[in-house]
């Protein structure tokens, strides 16, 4: 069986974690890379995962790319910029596991992805994958014109039969204005064969008062399949059918003993869901994989952690 292929567009940054002026740990992370790595871990040879971004040519950038390659991520479409460097963020967690971030990314290489002289080669390779995944962060870091140019390219790729997957992952500080954010998200939802969103993000961005309102809006904006992530309450899946009716299913989350760190909870859920969805497994199995993977991730510290793949696969098949 030929493996499915997905291109994931975004930015991965250097991560510093710990308390300031103490021993801080250096790692890496970013919503799109978190999803890429966990997707490859769970899907294995069934899905080829390609990362699309830009990095510098400095030793740190090259070391990061080598880390991704060690996770079997294809980096052929990570473009190198001689005059740019990777972004940086610092993360701290409170006693309940919730996190706060500080970013230094305003001039990172990924911000200029579409302006790179080799971006046309990336577009050529994107035409050869089965699906393309991106998030609101992937769009927000770009200049406004580049953001809309990318969405126009995705519209053409969608016409060629390539599936578009979108997670709004709303971070207000990254957007130049709420108007720009609304316009870009409207375009992204309209392209989305699958929208994987977090209710709290959607409520903040659009003022949704409940999940039903959020779901109806997303389908009206054009999303075909919608997953609304509800944290401890699991997730809701909905699909708009040819007769315009909408079917809805709710899937409970997985109970955990203690939440240590919620970093990458939504990103890992997306990865688990996609590992099954890309290979056309039942939706119940997709949601179960997402919930199981996220449950493991939030019980450990950091964005990229070791996971028990065998247990997830066994539980899904049981």
C-alpha atoms as a PDB file:
ATOM      1  CA  UNK A   1       0.000   0.000   0.000  1.00  0.00           C
ATOM      2  CA  UNK A   2       1.396   3.389  -1.009  1.00  0.00           C
ATOM      3  CA  UNK A   3       1.917   5.632   2.039  1.00  0.00           C
ATOM      4  CA  UNK A   4      -0.006   8.875   2.283  1.00  0.00           C
ATOM      5  CA  UNK A   5       1.963  12.105   2.174  1.00  0.00           C
ATOM      6  CA  UNK A   6       1.378  15.376   3.992  1.00  0.00           C
ATOM      7  CA  UNK A   7       3.174  18.708   3.901  1.00  0.00           C
ATOM      8  CA  UNK A   8       3.111  20.701   7.130  1.00  0.00           C
ATOM      9  CA  UNK A   9       3.751  24.437   6.796  1.00  0.00           C
ATOM     10  CA  UNK A  10       4.979  26.452   9.763  1.00  0.00           C
ATOM     11  CA  UNK A  11       7.757  27.601  12.033  1.00  0.00           C
ATOM     12  CA  UNK A  12       9.850  25.739  14.580  1.00  0.00           C
ATOM     13  CA  UNK A  13      11.795  27.736  17.159  1.00  0.00           C
ATOM     14  CA  UNK A  14      14.430  27.335  19.819  1.00  0.00           C
ATOM     15  CA  UNK A  15      12.765  26.716  23.198  1.00  0.00           C
ATOM     16  CA  UNK A  16      14.035  27.809  26.601  1.00  0.00           C
ATOM     17  CA  UNK A  17      12.181  26.439  29.616  1.00  0.00           C
ATOM     18  CA  UNK A  18      12.565  26.837  33.353  1.00  0.00           C
ATOM     19  CA  UNK A  19      12.769  29.712  35.792  1.00  0.00           C
ATOM     20  CA  UNK A  20      14.673  32.872  34.728  1.00  0.00           C
ATOM     21  CA  UNK A  21      18.228  33.223  36.034  1.00  0.00           C
ATOM     22  CA  UNK A  22      18.353  29.555  36.939  1.00  0.00           C
ATOM     23  CA  UNK A  23      19.400  26.544  34.900  1.00  0.00           C
ATOM     24  CA  UNK A  24      17.164  26.725  31.815  1.00  0.00           C
ATOM     25  CA  UNK A  25      16.719  23.844  29.403  1.00  0.00           C
ATOM     26  CA  UNK A  26      17.207  24.333  25.673  1.00  0.00           C
ATOM     27  CA  UNK A  27      14.954  22.479  23.270  1.00  0.00           C
ATOM     28  CA  UNK A  28      12.806  23.262  20.266  1.00  0.00           C
ATOM     29  CA  UNK A  29       9.111  23.501  19.477  1.00  0.00           C
ATOM     30  CA  UNK A  30       6.362  25.117  17.488  1.00  0.00           C
ATOM     31  CA  UNK A  31       2.787  24.032  16.870  1.00  0.00           C
ATOM     32  CA  UNK A  32       3.367  22.740  13.347  1.00  0.00           C
ATOM     33  CA  UNK A  33       6.560  20.844  14.197  1.00  0.00           C
ATOM     34  CA  UNK A  34       4.954  19.342  17.301  1.00  0.00           C
ATOM     35  CA  UNK A  35       2.192  17.961  15.091  1.00  0.00           C
ATOM     36  CA  UNK A  36       4.685  16.786  12.461  1.00  0.00           C
ATOM     37  CA  UNK A  37       6.784  14.807  14.915  1.00  0.00           C
ATOM     38  CA  UNK A  38       3.902  13.180  16.764  1.00  0.00           C
ATOM     39  CA  UNK A  39       2.174  12.344  13.484  1.00  0.00           C
ATOM     40  CA  UNK A  40       5.290  10.592  12.212  1.00  0.00           C
ATOM     41  CA  UNK A  41       5.782   8.784  15.531  1.00  0.00           C
ATOM     42  CA  UNK A  42       2.263   7.367  15.440  1.00  0.00           C
ATOM     43  CA  UNK A  43       1.767   6.820  11.711  1.00  0.00           C
ATOM     44  CA  UNK A  44       5.242   5.467  10.987  1.00  0.00           C
ATOM     45  CA  UNK A  45       5.691   4.291   7.401  1.00  0.00           C
ATOM     46  CA  UNK A  46       1.997   4.785   6.605  1.00  0.00           C
ATOM     47  CA  UNK A  47       2.447   8.554   6.262  1.00  0.00           C
ATOM     48  CA  UNK A  48       5.326  10.548   4.784  1.00  0.00           C
ATOM     49  CA  UNK A  49       5.631  13.820   6.711  1.00  0.00           C
ATOM     50  CA  UNK A  50       7.237  16.771   4.932  1.00  0.00           C
ATOM     51  CA  UNK A  51       8.030  20.029   6.716  1.00  0.00           C
ATOM     52  CA  UNK A  52       7.833  23.352   4.882  1.00  0.00           C
ATOM     53  CA  UNK A  53       9.596  26.312   6.469  1.00  0.00           C
ATOM     54  CA  UNK A  54      12.705  28.487   6.331  1.00  0.00           C
ATOM     55  CA  UNK A  55      15.732  28.453   8.613  1.00  0.00           C
ATOM     56  CA  UNK A  56      19.128  30.096   8.808  1.00  0.00           C
ATOM     57  CA  UNK A  57      22.486  28.590   7.901  1.00  0.00           C
ATOM     58  CA  UNK A  58      23.925  29.122  11.388  1.00  0.00           C
ATOM     59  CA  UNK A  59      25.002  26.121  13.515  1.00  0.00           C
ATOM     60  CA  UNK A  60      21.832  26.277  15.638  1.00  0.00           C
ATOM     61  CA  UNK A  61      19.564  26.182  12.588  1.00  0.00           C
ATOM     62  CA  UNK A  62      21.455  23.239  11.137  1.00  0.00           C
ATOM     63  CA  UNK A  63      21.329  21.417  14.471  1.00  0.00           C
ATOM     64  CA  UNK A  64      17.556  21.900  14.621  1.00  0.00           C
ATOM     65  CA  UNK A  65      17.099  20.512  11.121  1.00  0.00           C
ATOM     66  CA  UNK A  66      19.172  17.472  12.065  1.00  0.00           C
ATOM     67  CA  UNK A  67      16.894  16.942  15.080  1.00  0.00           C
ATOM     68  CA  UNK A  68      13.837  16.919  12.818  1.00  0.00           C
ATOM     69  CA  UNK A  69      15.491  14.517  10.415  1.00  0.00           C
ATOM     70  CA  UNK A  70      16.210  12.195  13.338  1.00  0.00           C
ATOM     71  CA  UNK A  71      12.428  11.978  13.767  1.00  0.00           C
ATOM     72  CA  UNK A  72      12.174  10.949  10.090  1.00  0.00           C
ATOM     73  CA  UNK A  73      10.696  14.269   9.000  1.00  0.00           C
ATOM     74  CA  UNK A  74      11.473  15.115   5.366  1.00  0.00           C
ATOM     75  CA  UNK A  75      13.193  18.524   5.327  1.00  0.00           C
ATOM     76  CA  UNK A  76      13.725  18.932   1.592  1.00  0.00           C
ATOM     77  CA  UNK A  77      11.355  21.916   1.674  1.00  0.00           C
ATOM     78  CA  UNK A  78      13.037  23.687   4.575  1.00  0.00           C
ATOM     79  CA  UNK A  79      14.630  26.605   2.735  1.00  0.00           C
ATOM     80  CA  UNK A  80      17.882  28.096   4.012  1.00  0.00           C
ATOM     81  CA  UNK A  81      18.414  31.856   4.399  1.00  0.00           C
ATOM     82  CA  UNK A  82      21.969  33.105   4.897  1.00  0.00           C
ATOM     83  CA  UNK A  83      20.916  36.351   6.584  1.00  0.00           C
ATOM     84  CA  UNK A  84      18.220  35.034   8.938  1.00  0.00           C
ATOM     85  CA  UNK A  85      18.074  32.898  12.081  1.00  0.00           C
ATOM     86  CA  UNK A  86      15.443  30.813  13.893  1.00  0.00           C
ATOM     87  CA  UNK A  87      12.977  32.354  16.315  1.00  0.00           C
ATOM     88  CA  UNK A  88      13.248  31.879  20.078  1.00  0.00           C
ATOM     89  CA  UNK A  89      10.668  31.460  22.816  1.00  0.00           C
ATOM     90  CA  UNK A  90      10.722  30.993  26.573  1.00  0.00           C
ATOM     91  CA  UNK A  91       8.091  28.918  28.336  1.00  0.00           C
ATOM     92  CA  UNK A  92       7.070  28.777  31.989  1.00  0.00           C
ATOM     93  CA  UNK A  93       4.407  26.627  33.675  1.00  0.00           C
ATOM     94  CA  UNK A  94       2.298  27.336  36.748  1.00  0.00           C
ATOM     95  CA  UNK A  95       1.380  24.728  39.371  1.00  0.00           C
ATOM     96  CA  UNK A  96      -1.613  23.496  37.342  1.00  0.00           C
ATOM     97  CA  UNK A  97       0.474  22.871  34.223  1.00  0.00           C
ATOM     98  CA  UNK A  98      -0.771  25.918  32.315  1.00  0.00           C
ATOM     99  CA  UNK A  99       1.929  27.727  30.394  1.00  0.00           C
ATOM    100  CA  UNK A 100       2.964  31.254  29.528  1.00  0.00           C
ATOM    101  CA  UNK A 101       5.214  32.239  26.643  1.00  0.00           C
ATOM    102  CA  UNK A 102       7.593  35.003  25.641  1.00  0.00           C
ATOM    103  CA  UNK A 103       8.698  35.200  22.009  1.00  0.00           C
ATOM    104  CA  UNK A 104      11.601  36.600  19.995  1.00  0.00           C
ATOM    105  CA  UNK A 105      10.574  35.806  16.421  1.00  0.00           C
ATOM    106  CA  UNK A 106       9.851  39.096  14.621  1.00  0.00           C
ATOM    107  CA  UNK A 107      12.740  38.627  12.160  1.00  0.00           C
ATOM    108  CA  UNK A 108      12.933  34.833  12.005  1.00  0.00           C
ATOM    109  CA  UNK A 109      13.712  33.066   8.735  1.00  0.00           C
ATOM    110  CA  UNK A 110      10.256  31.422   8.605  1.00  0.00           C
ATOM    111  CA  UNK A 111       8.596  34.840   8.440  1.00  0.00           C
ATOM    112  CA  UNK A 112      10.117  35.325   4.978  1.00  0.00           C
ATOM    113  CA  UNK A 113       9.312  31.868   3.572  1.00  0.00           C
ATOM    114  CA  UNK A 114       7.328  33.135   0.581  1.00  0.00           C
ATOM    115  CA  UNK A 115       9.979  35.722  -0.262  1.00  0.00           C
ATOM    116  CA  UNK A 116      12.697  33.086  -0.581  1.00  0.00           C
ATOM    117  CA  UNK A 117      14.042  32.676  -4.112  1.00  0.00           C
ATOM    118  CA  UNK A 118      13.400  28.917  -3.973  1.00  0.00           C
ATOM    119  CA  UNK A 119       9.771  29.075  -2.841  1.00  0.00           C
ATOM    120  CA  UNK A 120       8.553  28.210  -6.366  1.00  0.00           C
ATOM    121  CA  UNK A 121      10.284  24.839  -5.975  1.00  0.00           C
ATOM    122  CA  UNK A 122       8.307  24.323  -2.776  1.00  0.00           C
ATOM    123  CA  UNK A 123       5.052  24.973  -4.639  1.00  0.00           C
ATOM    124  CA  UNK A 124       6.015  22.352  -7.209  1.00  0.00           C
ATOM    125  CA  UNK A 125       6.575  19.754  -4.483  1.00  0.00           C
ATOM    126  CA  UNK A 126       3.325  20.693  -2.712  1.00  0.00           C
ATOM    127  CA  UNK A 127       1.451  19.637  -5.825  1.00  0.00           C
ATOM    128  CA  UNK A 128       2.652  16.068  -5.235  1.00  0.00           C
ATOM    129  CA  UNK A 129       1.330  15.469  -1.694  1.00  0.00           C
ATOM    130  CA  UNK A 130      -2.055  14.139  -0.573  1.00  0.00           C
ATOM    131  CA  UNK A 131      -2.679  16.798   2.067  1.00  0.00           C
ATOM    132  CA  UNK A 132      -1.372  20.124   3.357  1.00  0.00           C
ATOM    133  CA  UNK A 133      -1.607  21.156   6.998  1.00  0.00           C
ATOM    134  CA  UNK A 134      -1.133  24.620   8.440  1.00  0.00           C
ATOM    135  CA  UNK A 135      -2.264  26.678  11.397  1.00  0.00           C
ATOM    136  CA  UNK A 136      -3.203  30.223  12.224  1.00  0.00           C
ATOM    137  CA  UNK A 137       0.335  30.664  13.495  1.00  0.00           C
ATOM    138  CA  UNK A 138       1.694  29.560  10.101  1.00  0.00           C
ATOM    139  CA  UNK A 139      -0.312  32.423   8.576  1.00  0.00           C
ATOM    140  CA  UNK A 140       0.089  35.041  11.317  1.00  0.00           C
ATOM    141  CA  UNK A 141       3.894  35.146  11.225  1.00  0.00           C
ATOM    142  CA  UNK A 142       3.860  36.123   7.535  1.00  0.00           C
ATOM    143  CA  UNK A 143       3.522  39.635   6.182  1.00  0.00           C
ATOM    144  CA  UNK A 144      -0.125  40.326   5.285  1.00  0.00           C
ATOM    145  CA  UNK A 145       0.439  40.105   1.532  1.00  0.00           C
ATOM    146  CA  UNK A 146       2.442  36.876   1.906  1.00  0.00           C
ATOM    147  CA  UNK A 147      -0.317  35.403   4.062  1.00  0.00           C
ATOM    148  CA  UNK A 148      -2.959  35.979   1.383  1.00  0.00           C
ATOM    149  CA  UNK A 149      -0.586  34.864  -1.365  1.00  0.00           C
ATOM    150  CA  UNK A 150      -0.077  31.565   0.438  1.00  0.00           C
ATOM    151  CA  UNK A 151      -3.833  31.098   0.779  1.00  0.00           C
ATOM    152  CA  UNK A 152      -4.223  31.746  -2.959  1.00  0.00           C
ATOM    153  CA  UNK A 153      -1.621  29.076  -3.692  1.00  0.00           C
ATOM    154  CA  UNK A 154      -3.485  26.656  -1.413  1.00  0.00           C
ATOM    155  CA  UNK A 155      -6.738  27.377  -3.245  1.00  0.00           C
ATOM    156  CA  UNK A 156      -5.108  26.320  -6.521  1.00  0.00           C
ATOM    157  CA  UNK A 157      -3.665  23.196  -4.906  1.00  0.00           C
ATOM    158  CA  UNK A 158      -7.080  22.318  -3.498  1.00  0.00           C
ATOM    159  CA  UNK A 159      -8.499  22.495  -7.025  1.00  0.00           C
ATOM    160  CA  UNK A 160      -5.973  19.800  -7.938  1.00  0.00           C
ATOM    161  CA  UNK A 161      -7.496  17.486  -5.327  1.00  0.00           C
ATOM    162  CA  UNK A 162      -5.097  18.071  -2.447  1.00  0.00           C
ATOM    163  CA  UNK A 163      -6.755  18.048   0.983  1.00  0.00           C
ATOM    164  CA  UNK A 164      -6.344  21.183   3.099  1.00  0.00           C
ATOM    165  CA  UNK A 165      -6.254  20.849   6.890  1.00  0.00           C
ATOM    166  CA  UNK A 166      -6.372  23.919   9.130  1.00  0.00           C
ATOM    167  CA  UNK A 167      -6.075  24.636  12.854  1.00  0.00           C
ATOM    168  CA  UNK A 168      -6.835  28.280  13.676  1.00  0.00           C
ATOM    169  CA  UNK A 169      -4.618  28.147  16.819  1.00  0.00           C
ATOM    170  CA  UNK A 170      -5.413  31.794  17.561  1.00  0.00           C
ATOM    171  CA  UNK A 171      -2.612  33.851  19.110  1.00  0.00           C
ATOM    172  CA  UNK A 172      -3.761  37.513  19.133  1.00  0.00           C
ATOM    173  CA  UNK A 173      -0.283  39.001  19.572  1.00  0.00           C
ATOM    174  CA  UNK A 174       0.896  37.527  16.259  1.00  0.00           C
ATOM    175  CA  UNK A 175      -1.743  39.176  14.082  1.00  0.00           C
ATOM    176  CA  UNK A 176      -1.276  42.716  12.763  1.00  0.00           C
ATOM    177  CA  UNK A 177      -4.995  43.383  13.314  1.00  0.00           C
ATOM    178  CA  UNK A 178      -8.175  41.508  14.108  1.00  0.00           C
ATOM    179  CA  UNK A 179      -9.546  42.464  10.692  1.00  0.00           C
ATOM    180  CA  UNK A 180      -6.594  40.798   8.970  1.00  0.00           C
ATOM    181  CA  UNK A 181      -7.015  37.770  11.231  1.00  0.00           C
ATOM    182  CA  UNK A 182     -10.729  37.446  10.409  1.00  0.00           C
ATOM    183  CA  UNK A 183     -10.096  37.783   6.683  1.00  0.00           C
ATOM    184  CA  UNK A 184      -7.284  35.218   6.644  1.00  0.00           C
ATOM    185  CA  UNK A 185      -9.223  32.751   8.776  1.00  0.00           C
ATOM    186  CA  UNK A 186     -12.325  33.116   6.616  1.00  0.00           C
ATOM    187  CA  UNK A 187     -10.242  32.155   3.600  1.00  0.00           C
ATOM    188  CA  UNK A 188      -8.604  29.263   5.447  1.00  0.00           C
ATOM    189  CA  UNK A 189     -11.907  27.828   6.693  1.00  0.00           C
ATOM    190  CA  UNK A 190     -13.334  28.060   3.180  1.00  0.00           C
ATOM    191  CA  UNK A 191     -10.446  25.906   1.949  1.00  0.00           C
ATOM    192  CA  UNK A 192     -10.526  23.416   4.811  1.00  0.00           C
ATOM    193  CA  UNK A 193     -11.480  19.849   4.034  1.00  0.00           C
ATOM    194  CA  UNK A 194     -10.808  19.370   7.741  1.00  0.00           C
ATOM    195  CA  UNK A 195     -10.741  22.086  10.407  1.00  0.00           C
ATOM    196  CA  UNK A 196      -9.165  21.105  13.737  1.00  0.00           C
ATOM    197  CA  UNK A 197      -9.877  23.958  16.148  1.00  0.00           C
ATOM    198  CA  UNK A 198      -9.944  24.659  19.883  1.00  0.00           C
ATOM    199  CA  UNK A 199     -13.232  26.059  21.193  1.00  0.00           C
ATOM    200  CA  UNK A 200     -11.569  28.567  23.526  1.00  0.00           C
ATOM    201  CA  UNK A 201      -9.594  29.999  20.583  1.00  0.00           C
ATOM    202  CA  UNK A 202     -12.674  30.235  18.388  1.00  0.00           C
ATOM    203  CA  UNK A 203     -14.735  31.857  21.151  1.00  0.00           C
ATOM    204  CA  UNK A 204     -12.037  34.458  21.689  1.00  0.00           C
ATOM    205  CA  UNK A 205     -11.721  35.223  17.991  1.00  0.00           C
ATOM    206  CA  UNK A 206     -15.374  35.071  16.920  1.00  0.00           C
ATOM    207  CA  UNK A 207     -17.356  35.467  20.157  1.00  0.00           C
ATOM    208  CA  UNK A 208     -19.019  32.037  19.968  1.00  0.00           C
ATOM    209  CA  UNK A 209     -21.078  31.415  23.104  1.00  0.00           C
ATOM    210  CA  UNK A 210     -21.266  27.629  22.745  1.00  0.00           C
ATOM    211  CA  UNK A 211     -19.933  24.719  20.695  1.00  0.00           C
ATOM    212  CA  UNK A 212     -23.066  24.459  18.560  1.00  0.00           C
ATOM    213  CA  UNK A 213     -22.709  28.076  17.441  1.00  0.00           C
ATOM    214  CA  UNK A 214     -19.005  27.521  16.733  1.00  0.00           C
ATOM    215  CA  UNK A 215     -19.721  24.410  14.669  1.00  0.00           C
ATOM    216  CA  UNK A 216     -22.481  26.017  12.616  1.00  0.00           C
ATOM    217  CA  UNK A 217     -20.319  29.049  11.867  1.00  0.00           C
ATOM    218  CA  UNK A 218     -17.343  26.960  10.733  1.00  0.00           C
ATOM    219  CA  UNK A 219     -19.489  24.962   8.327  1.00  0.00           C
ATOM    220  CA  UNK A 220     -21.076  28.160   7.013  1.00  0.00           C
ATOM    221  CA  UNK A 221     -17.592  29.535   6.403  1.00  0.00           C
ATOM    222  CA  UNK A 222     -16.889  26.522   4.242  1.00  0.00           C
ATOM    223  CA  UNK A 223     -15.180  23.859   6.364  1.00  0.00           C
ATOM    224  CA  UNK A 224     -16.310  20.375   5.307  1.00  0.00           C
ATOM    225  CA  UNK A 225     -15.305  18.341   8.370  1.00  0.00           C
ATOM    226  CA  UNK A 226     -14.845  20.051  11.735  1.00  0.00           C
ATOM    227  CA  UNK A 227     -13.263  18.892  14.968  1.00  0.00           C
ATOM    228  CA  UNK A 228     -13.734  21.193  17.961  1.00  0.00           C
ATOM    229  CA  UNK A 229     -11.280  20.402  20.760  1.00  0.00           C
ATOM    230  CA  UNK A 230     -12.849  20.818  24.200  1.00  0.00           C
ATOM    231  CA  UNK A 231      -9.961  20.099  26.564  1.00  0.00           C
ATOM    232  CA  UNK A 232     -11.031  17.881  29.443  1.00  0.00           C
ATOM    233  CA  UNK A 233     -14.434  17.402  27.773  1.00  0.00           C
ATOM    234  CA  UNK A 234     -12.967  15.645  24.752  1.00  0.00           C
ATOM    235  CA  UNK A 235     -13.854  16.716  21.236  1.00  0.00           C
ATOM    236  CA  UNK A 236     -16.775  17.117  18.885  1.00  0.00           C
ATOM    237  CA  UNK A 237     -16.692  15.987  15.263  1.00  0.00           C
ATOM    238  CA  UNK A 238     -19.134  17.240  12.642  1.00  0.00           C
ATOM    239  CA  UNK A 239     -19.525  16.855   8.899  1.00  0.00           C
ATOM    240  CA  UNK A 240     -21.562  18.749   6.351  1.00  0.00           C
ATOM    241  CA  UNK A 241     -23.271  16.468   3.847  1.00  0.00           C
ATOM    242  CA  UNK A 242     -24.361  17.062   0.259  1.00  0.00           C
ATOM    243  CA  UNK A 243     -27.917  17.871   1.358  1.00  0.00           C
ATOM    244  CA  UNK A 244     -26.424  20.547   3.712  1.00  0.00           C
ATOM    245  CA  UNK A 245     -27.355  18.554   6.800  1.00  0.00           C
ATOM    246  CA  UNK A 246     -24.726  18.371   9.550  1.00  0.00           C
ATOM    247  CA  UNK A 247     -24.016  15.219  11.545  1.00  0.00           C
ATOM    248  CA  UNK A 248     -22.426  15.592  14.979  1.00  0.00           C
ATOM    249  CA  UNK A 249     -20.583  13.143  17.251  1.00  0.00           C
ATOM    250  CA  UNK A 250     -19.052  13.782  20.672  1.00  0.00           C
ATOM    251  CA  UNK A 251     -16.036  11.808  21.894  1.00  0.00           C
ATOM    252  CA  UNK A 252     -14.920  11.795  25.523  1.00  0.00           C
ATOM    253  CA  UNK A 253     -11.347  12.500  26.475  1.00  0.00           C
ATOM    254  CA  UNK A 254      -9.012  10.162  28.360  1.00  0.00           C
ATOM    255  CA  UNK A 255      -8.738  10.512  32.133  1.00  0.00           C
ATOM    256  CA  UNK A 256      -5.242  11.302  33.414  1.00  0.00           C
ATOM    257  CA  UNK A 257      -3.787  11.109  36.911  1.00  0.00           C
ATOM    258  CA  UNK A 258      -2.144  14.537  36.838  1.00  0.00           C
ATOM    259  CA  UNK A 259      -1.669  17.248  34.252  1.00  0.00           C
ATOM    260  CA  UNK A 260       1.988  18.285  34.257  1.00  0.00           C
ATOM    261  CA  UNK A 261       2.283  20.468  31.176  1.00  0.00           C
ATOM    262  CA  UNK A 262      -0.373  21.353  28.589  1.00  0.00           C
ATOM    263  CA  UNK A 263       2.199  22.404  25.996  1.00  0.00           C
ATOM    264  CA  UNK A 264       1.427  20.735  22.647  1.00  0.00           C
ATOM    265  CA  UNK A 265      -1.853  19.231  23.900  1.00  0.00           C
ATOM    266  CA  UNK A 266      -3.786  20.429  20.871  1.00  0.00           C
ATOM    267  CA  UNK A 267      -0.890  19.822  18.495  1.00  0.00           C
ATOM    268  CA  UNK A 268      -0.543  16.208  19.611  1.00  0.00           C
ATOM    269  CA  UNK A 269      -4.312  15.668  19.404  1.00  0.00           C
ATOM    270  CA  UNK A 270      -4.154  16.864  15.800  1.00  0.00           C
ATOM    271  CA  UNK A 271      -1.337  14.419  15.103  1.00  0.00           C
ATOM    272  CA  UNK A 272      -3.214  11.477  16.561  1.00  0.00           C
ATOM    273  CA  UNK A 273      -6.382  12.371  14.684  1.00  0.00           C
ATOM    274  CA  UNK A 274      -4.525  12.835  11.401  1.00  0.00           C
ATOM    275  CA  UNK A 275      -2.592   9.573  11.718  1.00  0.00           C
ATOM    276  CA  UNK A 276      -5.938   7.807  11.369  1.00  0.00           C
ATOM    277  CA  UNK A 277      -7.814  10.298   9.178  1.00  0.00           C
ATOM    278  CA  UNK A 278      -5.158  10.362   6.465  1.00  0.00           C
ATOM    279  CA  UNK A 279      -5.385   6.586   6.169  1.00  0.00           C
ATOM    280  CA  UNK A 280      -9.215   6.771   6.044  1.00  0.00           C
ATOM    281  CA  UNK A 281      -9.958   5.106   9.373  1.00  0.00           C
ATOM    282  CA  UNK A 282     -13.347   5.536  11.136  1.00  0.00           C
ATOM    283  CA  UNK A 283     -13.865   8.888  12.833  1.00  0.00           C
ATOM    284  CA  UNK A 284     -14.257   7.246  16.224  1.00  0.00           C
ATOM    285  CA  UNK A 285     -10.781   5.793  15.797  1.00  0.00           C
ATOM    286  CA  UNK A 286      -9.407   9.184  14.698  1.00  0.00           C
ATOM    287  CA  UNK A 287     -10.784  10.936  17.788  1.00  0.00           C
ATOM    288  CA  UNK A 288      -9.652   8.140  20.063  1.00  0.00           C
ATOM    289  CA  UNK A 289      -6.092   8.353  18.739  1.00  0.00           C
ATOM    290  CA  UNK A 290      -6.071  12.105  19.224  1.00  0.00           C
ATOM    291  CA  UNK A 291      -7.354  11.900  22.790  1.00  0.00           C
ATOM    292  CA  UNK A 292      -4.990   9.077  23.743  1.00  0.00           C
ATOM    293  CA  UNK A 293      -1.928  10.836  22.358  1.00  0.00           C
ATOM    294  CA  UNK A 294      -2.761  14.191  23.961  1.00  0.00           C
ATOM    295  CA  UNK A 295      -3.393  12.453  27.304  1.00  0.00           C
ATOM    296  CA  UNK A 296       0.135  11.053  27.261  1.00  0.00           C
ATOM    297  CA  UNK A 297       1.732  14.354  26.264  1.00  0.00           C
ATOM    298  CA  UNK A 298       0.144  16.472  29.012  1.00  0.00           C
ATOM    299  CA  UNK A 299       1.461  14.123  31.703  1.00  0.00           C
ATOM    300  CA  UNK A 300       5.057  14.989  30.836  1.00  0.00           C
ATOM    301  CA  UNK A 301       7.007  18.211  30.677  1.00  0.00           C
ATOM    302  CA  UNK A 302       7.876  19.756  27.336  1.00  0.00           C
ATOM    303  CA  UNK A 303       6.487  19.982  23.813  1.00  0.00           C
ATOM    304  CA  UNK A 304       8.143  16.836  22.413  1.00  0.00           C
ATOM    305  CA  UNK A 305       8.081  13.886  24.810  1.00  0.00           C
ATOM    306  CA  UNK A 306       8.380  10.130  24.605  1.00  0.00           C
ATOM    307  CA  UNK A 307       5.056   8.411  23.938  1.00  0.00           C
ATOM    308  CA  UNK A 308       3.856   4.829  24.245  1.00  0.00           C
ATOM    309  CA  UNK A 309       2.849   4.142  20.656  1.00  0.00           C
ATOM    310  CA  UNK A 310       2.076   0.467  21.228  1.00  0.00           C
ATOM    311  CA  UNK A 311      -0.507   1.240  23.913  1.00  0.00           C
ATOM    312  CA  UNK A 312      -2.242   3.812  21.710  1.00  0.00           C
ATOM    313  CA  UNK A 313      -2.446   1.416  18.766  1.00  0.00           C
ATOM    314  CA  UNK A 314      -3.613  -1.466  20.942  1.00  0.00           C
ATOM    315  CA  UNK A 315      -6.330   0.640  22.573  1.00  0.00           C
ATOM    316  CA  UNK A 316      -7.594   1.913  19.217  1.00  0.00           C
ATOM    317  CA  UNK A 317      -7.889  -1.597  17.799  1.00  0.00           C
ATOM    318  CA  UNK A 318      -9.481  -3.080  20.939  1.00  0.00           C
END
